[in-house]
C-alpha atoms as a PDB file:
ATOM      1  CA  MET A   1     -15.262  -4.654 -11.128  1.00  0.00           C
ATOM      2  CA  THR A   2     -16.282  -7.138  -8.430  1.00  0.00           C
ATOM      3  CA  PRO A   3     -17.161  -4.919  -5.107  1.00  0.00           C
ATOM      4  CA  PRO A   4     -15.515  -4.332  -2.238  1.00  0.00           C
ATOM      5  CA  ARG A   5     -15.637  -7.174   0.849  1.00  0.00           C
ATOM      6  CA  ALA A   6     -18.323  -5.836   3.216  1.00  0.00           C
ATOM      7  CA  ALA A   7     -19.565  -6.995   6.290  1.00  0.00           C
ATOM      8  CA  GLY A   8     -23.059  -6.485   7.561  1.00  0.00           C
ATOM      9  CA  ARG A   9     -26.378  -6.231   6.505  1.00  0.00           C
ATOM     10  CA  ALA A  10     -27.285  -4.366   3.271  1.00  0.00           C
ATOM     11  CA  GLN A  11     -29.849  -1.435   4.346  1.00  0.00           C
ATOM     12  CA  VAL A  12     -28.457  -0.168   7.855  1.00  0.00           C
ATOM     13  CA  PRO A  13     -28.324   3.468   7.984  1.00  0.00           C
ATOM     14  CA  VAL A  14     -23.869   3.852   9.185  1.00  0.00           C
ATOM     15  CA  HIS A  15     -22.051   3.099   6.397  1.00  0.00           C
ATOM     16  CA  LEU A  16     -18.165   2.823   6.759  1.00  0.00           C
ATOM     17  CA  VAL A  17     -15.628   2.550   4.069  1.00  0.00           C
ATOM     18  CA  ARG A  18     -11.702   1.801   4.796  1.00  0.00           C
ATOM     19  CA  GLY A  19      -8.949   1.132   3.403  1.00  0.00           C
ATOM     20  CA  ASP A  20      -4.935   2.565   2.758  1.00  0.00           C
ATOM     21  CA  ASP A  21      -5.188   3.363  -0.819  1.00  0.00           C
ATOM     22  CA  PRO A  22      -6.792   6.559  -1.677  1.00  0.00           C
ATOM     23  CA  ALA A  23      -8.104   5.475  -4.878  1.00  0.00           C
ATOM     24  CA  LEU A  24      -9.619   2.250  -3.722  1.00  0.00           C
ATOM     25  CA  VAL A  25     -11.361   4.024  -1.013  1.00  0.00           C
ATOM     26  CA  ALA A  26     -12.739   6.504  -3.485  1.00  0.00           C
ATOM     27  CA  GLN A  27     -13.849   4.094  -6.006  1.00  0.00           C
ATOM     28  CA  ALA A  28     -15.991   1.518  -3.073  1.00  0.00           C
ATOM     29  CA  THR A  29     -17.096   4.701  -1.820  1.00  0.00           C
ATOM     30  CA  ARG A  30     -18.884   5.912  -5.379  1.00  0.00           C
ATOM     31  CA  SER A  31     -19.588   2.013  -5.727  1.00  0.00           C
ATOM     32  CA  LEU A  32     -21.485   1.945  -2.094  1.00  0.00           C
ATOM     33  CA  VAL A  33     -23.001   5.480  -3.311  1.00  0.00           C
ATOM     34  CA  ASP A  34     -24.447   3.735  -6.423  1.00  0.00           C
ATOM     35  CA  ARG A  35     -26.157   1.146  -4.774  1.00  0.00           C
ATOM     36  CA  LEU A  36     -27.329   3.568  -1.796  1.00  0.00           C
ATOM     37  CA  VAL A  37     -29.159   5.944  -4.296  1.00  0.00           C
ATOM     38  CA  ALA A  38     -30.008   3.139  -6.992  1.00  0.00           C
ATOM     39  CA  GLY A  39     -33.494   4.584  -8.631  1.00  0.00           C
ATOM     40  CA  ILE A  40     -33.462   7.836  -7.642  1.00  0.00           C
ATOM     41  CA  ASP A  41     -31.784  11.375  -9.039  1.00  0.00           C
ATOM     42  CA  PRO A  42     -28.514  11.704  -7.074  1.00  0.00           C
ATOM     43  CA  SER A  43     -29.123  15.325  -7.178  1.00  0.00           C
ATOM     44  CA  LEU A  44     -31.517  15.026  -4.992  1.00  0.00           C
ATOM     45  CA  ALA A  45     -30.642  12.315  -2.731  1.00  0.00           C
ATOM     46  CA  VAL A  46     -26.641  12.593  -1.966  1.00  0.00           C
ATOM     47  CA  GLU A  47     -25.268  15.526   0.090  1.00  0.00           C
ATOM     48  CA  GLU A  48     -21.311  15.630   0.388  1.00  0.00           C
ATOM     49  CA  HIS A  49     -19.050  16.946   3.249  1.00  0.00           C
ATOM     50  CA  GLY A  50     -15.665  17.082   3.361  1.00  0.00           C
ATOM     51  CA  ALA A  51     -14.856  17.278  -0.121  1.00  0.00           C
ATOM     52  CA  GLY A  52     -11.877  19.751  -0.320  1.00  0.00           C
ATOM     53  CA  ASP A  53     -14.103  21.504   2.731  1.00  0.00           C
ATOM     54  CA  GLU A  54     -14.079  22.067   6.387  1.00  0.00           C
ATOM     55  CA  LEU A  55     -16.302  19.465   8.086  1.00  0.00           C
ATOM     56  CA  ASP A  56     -18.708  20.974  10.339  1.00  0.00           C
ATOM     57  CA  VAL A  57     -19.897  18.743  12.781  1.00  0.00           C
ATOM     58  CA  ALA A  58     -23.246  21.038  13.222  1.00  0.00           C
ATOM     59  CA  ALA A  59     -23.856  20.526   9.795  1.00  0.00           C
ATOM     60  CA  ILE A  60     -23.833  16.983   9.146  1.00  0.00           C
ATOM     61  CA  VAL A  61     -25.839  16.406  12.357  1.00  0.00           C
ATOM     62  CA  ASP A  62     -28.629  18.462  10.995  1.00  0.00           C
ATOM     63  CA  ALA A  63     -28.224  16.288   7.671  1.00  0.00           C
ATOM     64  CA  CYS A  64     -28.659  13.500   9.398  1.00  0.00           C
ATOM     65  CA  THR A  65     -31.749  14.082  11.351  1.00  0.00           C
ATOM     66  CA  THR A  66     -33.352  15.740   8.675  1.00  0.00           C
ATOM     67  CA  PRO A  67     -35.879  13.836   6.555  1.00  0.00           C
ATOM     68  CA  PRO A  68     -35.557  13.808   2.558  1.00  0.00           C
ATOM     69  CA  PHE A  69     -37.130  15.985   0.718  1.00  0.00           C
ATOM     70  CA  LEU A  70     -38.980  14.580  -2.663  1.00  0.00           C
ATOM     71  CA  VAL A  71     -36.971  11.252  -2.527  1.00  0.00           C
ATOM     72  CA  ASP A  72     -37.512   8.410   0.022  1.00  0.00           C
ATOM     73  CA  ARG A  73     -34.064   8.713   1.005  1.00  0.00           C
ATOM     74  CA  ARG A  74     -30.816  10.713   1.868  1.00  0.00           C
ATOM     75  CA  VAL A  75     -27.142   9.860   1.648  1.00  0.00           C
ATOM     76  CA  VAL A  76     -24.848  11.876   3.698  1.00  0.00           C
ATOM     77  CA  VAL A  77     -21.320  11.425   2.270  1.00  0.00           C
ATOM     78  CA  VAL A  78     -18.945  12.413   5.266  1.00  0.00           C
ATOM     79  CA  ARG A  79     -15.496  12.269   3.468  1.00  0.00           C
ATOM     80  CA  GLU A  80     -11.766  12.248   4.979  1.00  0.00           C
ATOM     81  CA  ALA A  81     -13.494  11.356   8.641  1.00  0.00           C
ATOM     82  CA  GLY A  82     -10.472  10.978   9.787  1.00  0.00           C
ATOM     83  CA  ARG A  83     -10.158  14.949  10.139  1.00  0.00           C
ATOM     84  CA  LEU A  84     -12.929  14.763  13.166  1.00  0.00           C
ATOM     85  CA  GLY A  85     -11.627  15.722  16.425  1.00  0.00           C
ATOM     86  CA  ALA A  86     -12.744  13.137  19.512  1.00  0.00           C
ATOM     87  CA  GLY A  87     -15.772  16.037  20.420  1.00  0.00           C
ATOM     88  CA  ASP A  88     -17.073  16.054  17.037  1.00  0.00           C
ATOM     89  CA  ALA A  89     -17.047  12.179  16.469  1.00  0.00           C
ATOM     90  CA  ALA A  90     -18.673  11.728  19.944  1.00  0.00           C
ATOM     91  CA  ARG A  91     -21.494  14.364  19.144  1.00  0.00           C
ATOM     92  CA  LEU A  92     -21.923  12.514  15.654  1.00  0.00           C
ATOM     93  CA  ALA A  93     -21.697   8.863  17.095  1.00  0.00           C
ATOM     94  CA  ASP A  94     -24.513   9.902  19.462  1.00  0.00           C
ATOM     95  CA  THR A  95     -26.243  11.009  16.576  1.00  0.00           C
ATOM     96  CA  LEU A  96     -26.333   8.211  14.458  1.00  0.00           C
ATOM     97  CA  GLU A  97     -27.138   5.619  17.621  1.00  0.00           C
ATOM     98  CA  SER A  98     -30.505   6.551  16.718  1.00  0.00           C
ATOM     99  CA  PRO A  99     -30.440   7.540  12.959  1.00  0.00           C
ATOM    100  CA  LEU A 100     -33.722   8.064  10.465  1.00  0.00           C
ATOM    101  CA  PRO A 101     -34.418   4.964   9.125  1.00  0.00           C
ATOM    102  CA  SER A 102     -34.507   7.329   5.608  1.00  0.00           C
ATOM    103  CA  VAL A 103     -30.899   9.002   6.007  1.00  0.00           C
ATOM    104  CA  HIS A 104     -27.808   6.504   4.915  1.00  0.00           C
ATOM    105  CA  VAL A 105     -24.173   8.023   6.354  1.00  0.00           C
ATOM    106  CA  VAL A 106     -20.840   7.276   4.817  1.00  0.00           C
ATOM    107  CA  LEU A 107     -18.386   7.664   6.652  1.00  0.00           C
ATOM    108  CA  VAL A 108     -15.415   7.402   4.425  1.00  0.00           C
ATOM    109  CA  ALA A 109     -11.536   6.997   5.378  1.00  0.00           C
ATOM    110  CA  GLY A 110      -9.072   9.671   5.228  1.00  0.00           C
ATOM    111  CA  GLY A 111      -7.136  12.493   6.632  1.00  0.00           C
ATOM    112  CA  GLY A 112      -6.003  10.450   9.366  1.00  0.00           C
ATOM    113  CA  THR A 113      -7.161   7.560  11.844  1.00  0.00           C
ATOM    114  CA  ILE A 114     -10.959   7.449  12.030  1.00  0.00           C
ATOM    115  CA  PRO A 115     -12.068   8.124  15.460  1.00  0.00           C
ATOM    116  CA  ALA A 116     -13.118   4.823  17.632  1.00  0.00           C
ATOM    117  CA  ALA A 117     -16.337   6.437  18.134  1.00  0.00           C
ATOM    118  CA  LEU A 118     -17.571   6.495  14.946  1.00  0.00           C
ATOM    119  CA  VAL A 119     -15.802   3.055  13.848  1.00  0.00           C
ATOM    120  CA  LYS A 120     -17.511   1.458  16.981  1.00  0.00           C
ATOM    121  CA  VAL A 121     -21.092   2.425  15.635  1.00  0.00           C
ATOM    122  CA  ALA A 122     -20.713   1.497  12.197  1.00  0.00           C
ATOM    123  CA  THR A 123     -19.126  -1.846  13.409  1.00  0.00           C
ATOM    124  CA  ALA A 124     -21.791  -2.699  16.141  1.00  0.00           C
ATOM    125  CA  ALA A 125     -24.939  -1.781  13.407  1.00  0.00           C
ATOM    126  CA  GLY A 126     -23.635  -0.813  10.477  1.00  0.00           C
ATOM    127  CA  GLU A 127     -21.992  -1.928   7.118  1.00  0.00           C
ATOM    128  CA  VAL A 128     -18.249  -1.940   7.013  1.00  0.00           C
ATOM    129  CA  VAL A 129     -16.962  -1.832   3.241  1.00  0.00           C
ATOM    130  CA  ASP A 130     -12.589  -3.084   3.350  1.00  0.00           C
ATOM    131  CA  ALA A 131     -11.694  -1.541   0.095  1.00  0.00           C
ATOM    132  CA  ALA A 132      -8.135  -3.066   0.774  1.00  0.00           C
ATOM    133  CA  ALA A 133      -6.048  -4.940  -1.569  1.00  0.00           C
ATOM    134  CA  GLY A 134      -4.032  -6.569   0.996  1.00  0.00           C
ATOM    135  CA  ARG A 135      -0.119  -7.173   0.547  1.00  0.00           C
ATOM    136  CA  GLY A 136       1.902 -10.424  -0.744  1.00  0.00           C
ATOM    137  CA  ARG A 137      -0.339 -13.285  -1.696  1.00  0.00           C
ATOM    138  CA  GLU A 138      -3.315 -11.541  -0.395  1.00  0.00           C
ATOM    139  CA  ARG A 139      -3.006  -8.531  -3.002  1.00  0.00           C
ATOM    140  CA  GLY A 140      -2.014 -11.316  -5.870  1.00  0.00           C
ATOM    141  CA  ARG A 141      -5.973 -13.127  -5.222  1.00  0.00           C
ATOM    142  CA  TRP A 142      -7.783  -9.263  -4.792  1.00  0.00           C
ATOM    143  CA  LEU A 143      -6.061  -8.828  -8.223  1.00  0.00           C
ATOM    144  CA  ALA A 144      -7.303 -12.008  -9.659  1.00  0.00           C
ATOM    145  CA  GLU A 145     -10.812 -11.812  -7.953  1.00  0.00           C
ATOM    146  CA  GLN A 146     -10.363  -8.149  -9.818  1.00  0.00           C
ATOM    147  CA  LEU A 147      -9.698  -9.867 -13.188  1.00  0.00           C
ATOM    148  CA  ARG A 148     -12.499 -12.381 -13.325  1.00  0.00           C
ATOM    149  CA  HIS A 149     -15.063  -9.767 -13.026  1.00  0.00           C
ATOM    150  CA  ALA A 150     -13.322  -7.183 -15.129  1.00  0.00           C
ATOM    151  CA  PRO A 151     -15.190  -6.356 -18.586  1.00  0.00           C
ATOM    152  CA  VAL A 152     -12.624  -7.805 -20.587  1.00  0.00           C
ATOM    153  CA  LYS A 153     -10.999 -11.205 -19.677  1.00  0.00           C
ATOM    154  CA  LEU A 154      -6.878 -11.247 -19.787  1.00  0.00           C
ATOM    155  CA  ASP A 155      -5.222 -14.157 -20.698  1.00  0.00           C
ATOM    156  CA  ALA A 156      -2.337 -16.322 -18.200  1.00  0.00           C
ATOM    157  CA  ALA A 157       0.685 -13.939 -19.490  1.00  0.00           C
ATOM    158  CA  ALA A 158      -1.671 -10.513 -19.982  1.00  0.00           C
ATOM    159  CA  ALA A 159      -2.541 -10.842 -16.242  1.00  0.00           C
ATOM    160  CA  ARG A 160       1.135 -11.834 -14.734  1.00  0.00           C
ATOM    161  CA  ARG A 161       2.053  -8.412 -16.676  1.00  0.00           C
ATOM    162  CA  LEU A 162      -0.482  -6.108 -15.224  1.00  0.00           C
ATOM    163  CA  GLU A 163       0.155  -7.954 -11.865  1.00  0.00           C
ATOM    164  CA  GLU A 164       3.924  -6.950 -11.961  1.00  0.00           C
ATOM    165  CA  HIS A 165       3.545  -3.602 -13.793  1.00  0.00           C
ATOM    166  CA  LEU A 166       1.208  -2.412 -10.984  1.00  0.00           C
ATOM    167  CA  GLY A 167       2.863  -3.531  -8.123  1.00  0.00           C
ATOM    168  CA  GLU A 168       1.587  -1.274  -5.188  1.00  0.00           C
ATOM    169  CA  ASP A 169      -0.527   1.047  -7.477  1.00  0.00           C
ATOM    170  CA  VAL A 170      -3.664  -1.138  -7.662  1.00  0.00           C
ATOM    171  CA  GLY A 171      -5.966   1.856  -7.889  1.00  0.00           C
ATOM    172  CA  ARG A 172      -5.089   2.470 -11.257  1.00  0.00           C
ATOM    173  CA  LEU A 173      -6.603  -1.352 -12.073  1.00  0.00           C
ATOM    174  CA  GLU A 174     -10.251   0.111 -12.658  1.00  0.00           C
ATOM    175  CA  GLY A 175      -9.400   2.824 -14.967  1.00  0.00           C
ATOM    176  CA  LEU A 176      -7.116   0.380 -16.860  1.00  0.00           C
ATOM    177  CA  VAL A 177      -9.884  -2.569 -17.628  1.00  0.00           C
ATOM    178  CA  GLU A 178     -12.552   0.289 -18.672  1.00  0.00           C
ATOM    179  CA  SER A 179      -9.954   1.540 -21.092  1.00  0.00           C
ATOM    180  CA  LEU A 180      -9.324  -1.710 -22.527  1.00  0.00           C
ATOM    181  CA  ALA A 181     -13.393  -2.336 -22.953  1.00  0.00           C
ATOM    182  CA  ALA A 182     -13.710   0.743 -24.662  1.00  0.00           C
ATOM    183  CA  ALA A 183     -10.861   0.137 -27.106  1.00  0.00           C
ATOM    184  CA  TYR A 184     -11.479  -3.954 -27.810  1.00  0.00           C
ATOM    185  CA  GLY A 185     -15.180  -4.325 -26.594  1.00  0.00           C
ATOM    186  CA  GLU A 186     -16.600  -5.819 -23.387  1.00  0.00           C
ATOM    187  CA  GLY A 187     -16.116  -9.606 -23.523  1.00  0.00           C
ATOM    188  CA  ALA A 188     -12.465  -9.403 -25.338  1.00  0.00           C
ATOM    189  CA  THR A 189     -10.039 -11.241 -24.601  1.00  0.00           C
ATOM    190  CA  VAL A 190      -6.867  -9.486 -24.272  1.00  0.00           C
ATOM    191  CA  SER A 191      -2.811 -10.279 -24.874  1.00  0.00           C
ATOM    192  CA  VAL A 192       0.388  -9.364 -23.754  1.00  0.00           C
ATOM    193  CA  VAL A 193       0.359  -7.162 -26.877  1.00  0.00           C
ATOM    194  CA  ALA A 194      -2.872  -5.851 -26.623  1.00  0.00           C
ATOM    195  CA  LEU A 195      -2.015  -4.934 -23.216  1.00  0.00           C
ATOM    196  CA  GLU A 196       1.196  -3.145 -23.504  1.00  0.00           C
ATOM    197  CA  PRO A 197       0.438   0.508 -25.426  1.00  0.00           C
ATOM    198  CA  PHE A 198      -2.152   1.312 -22.050  1.00  0.00           C
ATOM    199  CA  LEU A 199       0.163   0.081 -19.385  1.00  0.00           C
ATOM    200  CA  GLY A 200       1.867   4.010 -19.067  1.00  0.00           C
ATOM    201  CA  GLU A 201       4.586   3.931 -16.390  1.00  0.00           C
ATOM    202  CA  ALA A 202       4.747   1.143 -13.859  1.00  0.00           C
ATOM    203  CA  GLY A 203       3.864   1.598 -10.801  1.00  0.00           C
ATOM    204  CA  ALA A 204       5.483   1.197  -7.324  1.00  0.00           C
ATOM    205  CA  VAL A 205       6.974  -1.785  -5.751  1.00  0.00           C
ATOM    206  CA  PRO A 206       7.005  -2.092  -2.014  1.00  0.00           C
ATOM    207  CA  PRO A 207       9.814  -1.674  -0.131  1.00  0.00           C
ATOM    208  CA  TRP A 208      10.631  -5.425   0.495  1.00  0.00           C
ATOM    209  CA  GLU A 209      10.608  -6.450  -3.094  1.00  0.00           C
ATOM    210  CA  LEU A 210      14.073  -4.637  -3.267  1.00  0.00           C
ATOM    211  CA  THR A 211      15.539  -6.165   0.172  1.00  0.00           C
ATOM    212  CA  ASP A 212      14.291  -9.827  -1.222  1.00  0.00           C
ATOM    213  CA  ALA A 213      16.323  -8.910  -4.337  1.00  0.00           C
ATOM    214  CA  VAL A 214      19.277  -8.164  -2.926  1.00  0.00           C
ATOM    215  CA  ASP A 215      19.598 -10.883  -0.030  1.00  0.00           C
ATOM    216  CA  ALA A 216      18.639 -13.129  -3.105  1.00  0.00           C
ATOM    217  CA  GLY A 217      22.122 -11.572  -5.034  1.00  0.00           C
ATOM    218  CA  ASP A 218      20.051 -10.881  -7.786  1.00  0.00           C
ATOM    219  CA  VAL A 219      21.532  -7.927  -9.152  1.00  0.00           C
ATOM    220  CA  PRO A 220      19.000  -7.063 -12.516  1.00  0.00           C
ATOM    221  CA  ALA A 221      16.068  -7.597 -10.089  1.00  0.00           C
ATOM    222  CA  ALA A 222      17.282  -5.466  -7.106  1.00  0.00           C
ATOM    223  CA  LEU A 223      18.102  -2.564  -9.493  1.00  0.00           C
ATOM    224  CA  ARG A 224      14.603  -3.258 -11.199  1.00  0.00           C
ATOM    225  CA  ALA A 225      12.775  -2.968  -7.650  1.00  0.00           C
ATOM    226  CA  LEU A 226      15.322   0.308  -7.059  1.00  0.00           C
ATOM    227  CA  HIS A 227      14.401   2.355 -10.244  1.00  0.00           C
ATOM    228  CA  ARG A 228      10.482   1.479  -9.777  1.00  0.00           C
ATOM    229  CA  LEU A 229      10.869   3.180  -6.157  1.00  0.00           C
ATOM    230  CA  LEU A 230      12.800   6.115  -7.738  1.00  0.00           C
ATOM    231  CA  ALA A 231      10.179   6.328 -10.310  1.00  0.00           C
ATOM    232  CA  ALA A 232       6.873   6.389  -7.858  1.00  0.00           C
ATOM    233  CA  GLY A 233       8.820   8.968  -5.905  1.00  0.00           C
ATOM    234  CA  ARG A 234      10.591   7.437  -3.191  1.00  0.00           C
ATOM    235  CA  ALA A 235      13.479  10.071  -2.093  1.00  0.00           C
ATOM    236  CA  ALA A 236      17.012   8.547  -2.164  1.00  0.00           C
ATOM    237  CA  PRO A 237      17.477   9.400   1.610  1.00  0.00           C
ATOM    238  CA  VAL A 238      14.411   7.140   2.037  1.00  0.00           C
ATOM    239  CA  VAL A 239      15.643   4.114  -0.093  1.00  0.00           C
ATOM    240  CA  VAL A 240      19.026   4.029   1.680  1.00  0.00           C
ATOM    241  CA  ALA A 241      17.045   4.622   5.083  1.00  0.00           C
ATOM    242  CA  THR A 242      15.247   1.528   4.041  1.00  0.00           C
ATOM    243  CA  LEU A 243      18.565  -0.642   3.509  1.00  0.00           C
ATOM    244  CA  HIS A 244      19.882   0.631   6.287  1.00  0.00           C
ATOM    245  CA  GLY A 245      17.092  -0.707   8.447  1.00  0.00           C
ATOM    246  CA  HIS A 246      17.369  -4.192   7.029  1.00  0.00           C
ATOM    247  CA  PHE A 247      20.820  -4.491   7.605  1.00  0.00           C
ATOM    248  CA  SER A 248      21.144  -3.243  11.263  1.00  0.00           C
ATOM    249  CA  ASN A 249      18.416  -5.505  12.156  1.00  0.00           C
ATOM    250  CA  MET A 250      20.938  -8.595  10.927  1.00  0.00           C
ATOM    251  CA  LEU A 251      23.567  -6.628  12.808  1.00  0.00           C
ATOM    252  CA  ARG A 252      21.213  -6.547  16.047  1.00  0.00           C
ATOM    253  CA  LEU A 253      20.210 -10.280  15.680  1.00  0.00           C
ATOM    254  CA  ASP A 254      23.722 -11.398  14.649  1.00  0.00           C
ATOM    255  CA  GLY A 255      25.484 -13.463  17.321  1.00  0.00           C
ATOM    256  CA  ALA A 256      22.151 -12.942  19.723  1.00  0.00           C
ATOM    257  CA  ASP A 257      20.682 -15.818  21.711  1.00  0.00           C
ATOM    258  CA  VAL A 258      17.299 -15.753  19.912  1.00  0.00           C
ATOM    259  CA  VAL A 259      16.226 -18.944  17.860  1.00  0.00           C
ATOM    260  CA  THR A 260      12.627 -17.779  17.400  1.00  0.00           C
ATOM    261  CA  GLY A 261      10.370 -14.998  15.158  1.00  0.00           C
ATOM    262  CA  GLU A 262       8.902 -14.009  18.861  1.00  0.00           C
ATOM    263  CA  ASP A 263      12.120 -13.934  20.371  1.00  0.00           C
ATOM    264  CA  SER A 264      13.468 -11.999  17.438  1.00  0.00           C
ATOM    265  CA  ALA A 265      11.083  -9.584  17.165  1.00  0.00           C
ATOM    266  CA  ALA A 266      11.419  -8.764  20.951  1.00  0.00           C
ATOM    267  CA  LEU A 267      14.542  -7.846  20.567  1.00  0.00           C
ATOM    268  CA  LEU A 268      14.186  -5.939  17.451  1.00  0.00           C
ATOM    269  CA  GLY A 269      11.101  -3.913  19.006  1.00  0.00           C
ATOM    270  CA  ALA A 270       9.416  -5.343  15.816  1.00  0.00           C
ATOM    271  CA  ARG A 271       5.664  -6.523  15.311  1.00  0.00           C
ATOM    272  CA  SER A 272       5.978  -9.137  12.867  1.00  0.00           C
ATOM    273  CA  PRO A 273       7.651 -12.232  13.990  1.00  0.00           C
ATOM    274  CA  PHE A 274       7.778 -13.619  10.817  1.00  0.00           C
ATOM    275  CA  VAL A 275       9.669 -10.451   9.467  1.00  0.00           C
ATOM    276  CA  ALA A 276      11.783 -10.627  12.492  1.00  0.00           C
ATOM    277  CA  LYS A 277      12.609 -14.366  12.247  1.00  0.00           C
ATOM    278  CA  LYS A 278      13.519 -13.760   8.232  1.00  0.00           C
ATOM    279  CA  ALA A 279      15.993 -11.302   9.405  1.00  0.00           C
ATOM    280  CA  LEU A 280      17.508 -13.580  12.031  1.00  0.00           C
ATOM    281  CA  GLU A 281      17.833 -16.313   9.139  1.00  0.00           C
ATOM    282  CA  ARG A 282      19.299 -13.812   6.672  1.00  0.00           C
ATOM    283  CA  ALA A 283      21.751 -12.731   9.550  1.00  0.00           C
ATOM    284  CA  ARG A 284      22.842 -16.490   9.756  1.00  0.00           C
ATOM    285  CA  GLN A 285      23.700 -17.196   6.109  1.00  0.00           C
ATOM    286  CA  LEU A 286      25.369 -13.688   5.887  1.00  0.00           C
ATOM    287  CA  GLY A 287      27.335 -13.784   8.543  1.00  0.00           C
ATOM    288  CA  SER A 288      28.983 -11.275  10.756  1.00  0.00           C
ATOM    289  CA  GLU A 289      32.022  -9.780   8.085  1.00  0.00           C
ATOM    290  CA  ARG A 290      29.130  -9.455   5.831  1.00  0.00           C
ATOM    291  CA  ILE A 291      26.840  -7.507   7.695  1.00  0.00           C
ATOM    292  CA  GLY A 292      29.654  -5.092   8.901  1.00  0.00           C
ATOM    293  CA  GLN A 293      30.726  -4.985   4.985  1.00  0.00           C
ATOM    294  CA  ALA A 294      27.238  -4.166   4.091  1.00  0.00           C
ATOM    295  CA  VAL A 295      26.497  -1.259   6.963  1.00  0.00           C
ATOM    296  CA  THR A 296      29.469   0.271   5.978  1.00  0.00           C
ATOM    297  CA  LEU A 297      28.512   0.326   2.578  1.00  0.00           C
ATOM    298  CA  VAL A 298      25.253   2.059   3.460  1.00  0.00           C
ATOM    299  CA  ALA A 299      26.913   4.620   5.620  1.00  0.00           C
ATOM    300  CA  ASP A 300      28.818   5.267   3.338  1.00  0.00           C
ATOM    301  CA  ALA A 301      26.036   5.738   0.811  1.00  0.00           C
ATOM    302  CA  ASP A 302      24.098   7.773   3.242  1.00  0.00           C
ATOM    303  CA  LEU A 303      26.651  10.364   3.176  1.00  0.00           C
ATOM    304  CA  ASP A 304      26.844  10.497  -0.880  1.00  0.00           C
ATOM    305  CA  VAL A 305      23.062  11.285  -1.541  1.00  0.00           C
ATOM    306  CA  LYS A 306      23.376  14.091   1.347  1.00  0.00           C
ATOM    307  CA  GLY A 307      26.028  15.565  -0.816  1.00  0.00           C
ATOM    308  CA  MET A 308      29.585  13.664  -0.102  1.00  0.00           C
ATOM    309  CA  THR A 309      29.791  13.146  -3.664  1.00  0.00           C
ATOM    310  CA  ALA A 310      28.953  14.872  -7.509  1.00  0.00           C
ATOM    311  CA  LEU A 311      27.552  11.778  -8.876  1.00  0.00           C
ATOM    312  CA  PRO A 312      23.613  11.630  -9.460  1.00  0.00           C
ATOM    313  CA  THR A 313      21.942  10.149  -6.351  1.00  0.00           C
ATOM    314  CA  ASP A 314      20.817   7.666  -8.721  1.00  0.00           C
ATOM    315  CA  LEU A 315      24.181   6.234  -9.414  1.00  0.00           C
ATOM    316  CA  VAL A 316      24.963   6.312  -6.081  1.00  0.00           C
ATOM    317  CA  LEU A 317      22.021   4.243  -5.118  1.00  0.00           C
ATOM    318  CA  GLU A 318      22.450   1.902  -8.081  1.00  0.00           C
ATOM    319  CA  VAL A 319      25.989   0.829  -7.205  1.00  0.00           C
ATOM    320  CA  LEU A 320      25.250   0.282  -3.690  1.00  0.00           C
ATOM    321  CA  VAL A 321      22.381  -1.809  -4.911  1.00  0.00           C
ATOM    322  CA  ALA A 322      24.512  -3.937  -7.182  1.00  0.00           C
ATOM    323  CA  ARG A 323      27.396  -3.951  -4.471  1.00  0.00           C
ATOM    324  CA  LEU A 324      25.005  -5.099  -2.056  1.00  0.00           C
ATOM    325  CA  ALA A 325      23.601  -8.167  -3.782  1.00  0.00           C
ATOM    326  CA  ARG A 326      27.158  -9.042  -4.837  1.00  0.00           C
ATOM    327  CA  LEU A 327      28.229  -9.431  -1.521  1.00  0.00           C
ATOM    328  CA  ALA A 328      24.755 -11.340  -0.761  1.00  0.00           C
ATOM    329  CA  ARG A 329      25.605 -14.046  -3.283  1.00  0.00           C
ATOM    330  CA  THR A 330      29.322 -14.232  -2.273  1.00  0.00           C
ATOM    331  CA  LYS A 331      30.117 -17.654  -0.286  1.00  0.00           C
ATOM    332  CA  SER A 332      32.144 -17.644   2.550  1.00  0.00           C
ATOM    333  CA  ALA A 333      35.680 -18.924   1.548  1.00  0.00           C
ATOM    334  CA  GLY A 334      37.965 -17.665   3.833  1.00  0.00           C
ATOM    335  CA  GLY A 335      40.059 -14.787   3.081  1.00  0.00           C
ATOM    336  CA  ARG A 336      39.310 -14.858  -1.042  1.00  0.00           C
ATOM    337  CA  THR A 337      35.528 -13.886  -0.078  1.00  0.00           C
ATOM    338  CA  SER A 338      36.622 -11.425   2.367  1.00  0.00           C
ATOM    339  CA  ARG A 339      39.393  -9.368  -0.074  1.00  0.00           C
ATOM    340  CA  SER A 340      37.129  -9.502  -3.099  1.00  0.00           C
ATOM    341  CA  VAL A 341      34.495  -7.944  -1.202  1.00  0.00           C
ATOM    342  CA  ALA A 342      36.751  -5.588   0.771  1.00  0.00           C
ATOM    343  CA  GLY A 343      37.747  -4.331  -2.699  1.00  0.00           C
ATOM    344  CA  SER A 344      34.559  -2.752  -3.489  1.00  0.00           C
ATOM    345  CA  ARG A 345      33.856  -1.155  -0.404  1.00  0.00           C
ATOM    346  CA  GLY A 346      34.659   2.181  -0.726  1.00  0.00           C
ATOM    347  CA  ARG A 347      32.294   5.448  -1.264  1.00  0.00           C
ATOM    348  CA  VAL A 348      31.450   6.072  -4.601  1.00  0.00           C
ATOM    349  CA  ARG A 349      34.240   8.847  -5.996  1.00  0.00           C
ATOM    350  CA  ARG A 350      33.871  11.540  -7.884  1.00  0.00           C
END
């Protein structure tokens, strides 16, 4: 697999591994440590801190300021560096500003936000390893790059199937391609048929995949996205909240005197003008009446998943998603549209 993106010199004393996927962060950390200890016994060179234990900043500072014994370098790995408080982080940062040349310190993301003092040290005089796969098209490019360097080659159909299957769970990629290499041999070309037995359960998808399918009026795609969210552990009330936020944004933008994505984002208090502009365009396409109907459907489902009906929550969500998608693809056609949709507005009954 190709190494994560890195910035900085190869032999600097401070290394920061960052990312939002714990599996990818762990893989990047392992690759970095392997590179730093190349040619020597890891049991003599690597010292771990924070792997399931409390972070003792005094012990970390001591490790950073003690020359290695029996080997020419030591690698001090500080896992879940986000657990360090501001005071402990400042103390460690002071130490790292004048490090021993024979000691490498690897700060690993996790446990919260890494304190700014440590990020500053690593950025100014160290190496930053970005273990993030990105989102959307960026994630697709990241996956394609990983597959180019994989020990097996996936044909085009298999690569598409794998990307669809993994969804957001790209941390499973490394283990999966290693299994393929063990089964078929390094350098083998893997087809969809050869890939399928190794896929296991489908990975999660981002929430916007559900809302995009709903907006497109694609009932099958919306239901597939819903099932993958639920299979990945997304709770029913969270799914309802996602849909509520989606249509509430449209409701707030409906009739508002805004034109640009920036104006829409300001009205919604959103960070992304792109997302806000998308909501504005969708609000204009859907229209006031259907936005109101969608909000009503979501509100009814919210009560249902909280116990207002004896039906299983999965069924409540399936009905909700199907109705929203059908509503989204219904064209404005005078009274006929309103009556046909209104006939399916009621809460799911027992």
